[in-house]
C-alpha atoms as a PDB file:
ATOM      1  CA  MET A   1      89.357 109.293  57.196  1.00  0.00           C
ATOM      2  CA  GLY A   2      85.453 110.695  56.733  1.00  0.00           C
ATOM      3  CA  HIS A   3      82.506 108.761  55.604  1.00  0.00           C
ATOM      4  CA  ASN A   4      83.103 107.963  51.778  1.00  0.00           C
ATOM      5  CA  GLY A   5      86.770 107.819  51.808  1.00  0.00           C
ATOM      6  CA  GLU A   6      86.954 112.120  51.903  1.00  0.00           C
ATOM      7  CA  ALA A   7      89.009 113.780  54.657  1.00  0.00           C
ATOM      8  CA  ALA A   8      87.921 113.982  57.885  1.00  0.00           C
ATOM      9  CA  PRO A   9      87.276 117.817  59.177  1.00  0.00           C
ATOM     10  CA  ARG A  10      90.085 119.207  61.458  1.00  0.00           C
ATOM     11  CA  VAL A  11      89.278 121.047  64.568  1.00  0.00           C
ATOM     12  CA  CYS A  12      92.070 123.307  66.009  1.00  0.00           C
ATOM     13  CA  VAL A  13      91.981 123.126  69.742  1.00  0.00           C
ATOM     14  CA  GLN A  14      94.374 124.932  72.297  1.00  0.00           C
ATOM     15  CA  ALA A  15      96.195 122.412  74.133  1.00  0.00           C
ATOM     16  CA  ASN A  16      95.171 124.149  77.605  1.00  0.00           C
ATOM     17  CA  GLU A  17      91.308 123.415  76.470  1.00  0.00           C
ATOM     18  CA  VAL A  18      92.293 119.666  76.033  1.00  0.00           C
ATOM     19  CA  SER A  19      93.890 119.711  79.415  1.00  0.00           C
ATOM     20  CA  GLU A  20      91.204 121.111  80.964  1.00  0.00           C
ATOM     21  CA  LEU A  21      88.605 118.502  79.432  1.00  0.00           C
ATOM     22  CA  ILE A  22      90.818 115.836  80.444  1.00  0.00           C
ATOM     23  CA  GLU A  23      90.962 117.106  83.674  1.00  0.00           C
ATOM     24  CA  LEU A  24      86.914 117.200  83.911  1.00  0.00           C
ATOM     25  CA  LEU A  25      86.819 113.872  82.586  1.00  0.00           C
ATOM     26  CA  CYS A  26      89.175 112.684  85.502  1.00  0.00           C
ATOM     27  CA  ILE A  27      87.392 114.199  88.162  1.00  0.00           C
ATOM     28  CA  THR A  28      83.861 113.067  86.657  1.00  0.00           C
ATOM     29  CA  SER A  29      85.381 109.212  86.596  1.00  0.00           C
ATOM     30  CA  SER A  30      86.567 109.715  90.364  1.00  0.00           C
ATOM     31  CA  VAL A  31      83.151 111.045  91.367  1.00  0.00           C
ATOM     32  CA  VAL A  32      81.341 108.350  89.651  1.00  0.00           C
ATOM     33  CA  ASN A  33      83.895 105.805  90.932  1.00  0.00           C
ATOM     34  CA  ILE A  34      83.229 107.186  94.694  1.00  0.00           C
ATOM     35  CA  TRP A  35      79.742 106.976  94.132  1.00  0.00           C
ATOM     36  CA  CYS A  36      79.629 103.631  93.280  1.00  0.00           C
ATOM     37  CA  TRP A  37      81.714 102.600  96.215  1.00  0.00           C
ATOM     38  CA  ARG A  38      79.582 104.181  98.477  1.00  0.00           C
ATOM     39  CA  GLN A  39      76.357 102.437  97.024  1.00  0.00           C
ATOM     40  CA  SER A  40      78.358  98.980  97.340  1.00  0.00           C
ATOM     41  CA  THR A  41      79.415 100.049 101.216  1.00  0.00           C
ATOM     42  CA  LYS A  42      75.595 101.142 101.977  1.00  0.00           C
ATOM     43  CA  ALA A  43      74.493  97.848 100.362  1.00  0.00           C
ATOM     44  CA  GLN A  44      76.942  95.535 102.445  1.00  0.00           C
ATOM     45  CA  THR A  45      76.198  97.336 105.525  1.00  0.00           C
ATOM     46  CA  THR A  46      72.766  96.767 104.799  1.00  0.00           C
ATOM     47  CA  LYS A  47      72.998  93.063 104.217  1.00  0.00           C
ATOM     48  CA  ARG A  48      74.978  92.961 107.478  1.00  0.00           C
ATOM     49  CA  LEU A  49      72.296  94.409 109.436  1.00  0.00           C
ATOM     50  CA  ILE A  50      69.672  92.128 108.206  1.00  0.00           C
ATOM     51  CA  GLN A  51      71.515  89.042 109.400  1.00  0.00           C
ATOM     52  CA  THR A  52      72.103  90.492 112.816  1.00  0.00           C
ATOM     53  CA  ILE A  53      68.698  90.939 112.727  1.00  0.00           C
ATOM     54  CA  LEU A  54      67.637  87.470 111.770  1.00  0.00           C
ATOM     55  CA  GLN A  55      70.369  85.879 114.203  1.00  0.00           C
ATOM     56  CA  LYS A  56      68.979  87.654 117.000  1.00  0.00           C
ATOM     57  CA  LYS A  57      65.499  86.837 116.029  1.00  0.00           C
ATOM     58  CA  THR A  58      66.374  83.103 115.448  1.00  0.00           C
ATOM     59  CA  ARG A  59      68.531  82.959 118.921  1.00  0.00           C
ATOM     60  CA  LYS A  60      65.515  84.399 120.774  1.00  0.00           C
ATOM     61  CA  GLU A  61      63.119  81.881 118.933  1.00  0.00           C
ATOM     62  CA  THR A  62      65.226  78.911 120.075  1.00  0.00           C
ATOM     63  CA  GLN A  63      65.290  80.663 123.727  1.00  0.00           C
ATOM     64  CA  LEU A  64      61.548  80.856 123.862  1.00  0.00           C
ATOM     65  CA  ARG A  65      61.535  76.578 122.345  1.00  0.00           C
ATOM     66  CA  LYS A  66      63.326  75.886 125.013  1.00  0.00           C
ATOM     67  CA  GLN A  67      61.829  77.447 127.693  1.00  0.00           C
ATOM     68  CA  ASN A  68      58.513  75.541 126.534  1.00  0.00           C
END
């Protein structure tokens, strides 16, 4: 139904056109999912790198304190 109870307009589309549209939507969805996964992986890698740097800094500071 359309607005105010009138019949909704009908659209005739060939089946292969619908299939192509569905395929494009799936591909687009996959690309978005891959992009999100990569961003998440990059963030995790950056977090690990920062943690490693901070751990090394802490160890070095501890060694310097022991020497003094």
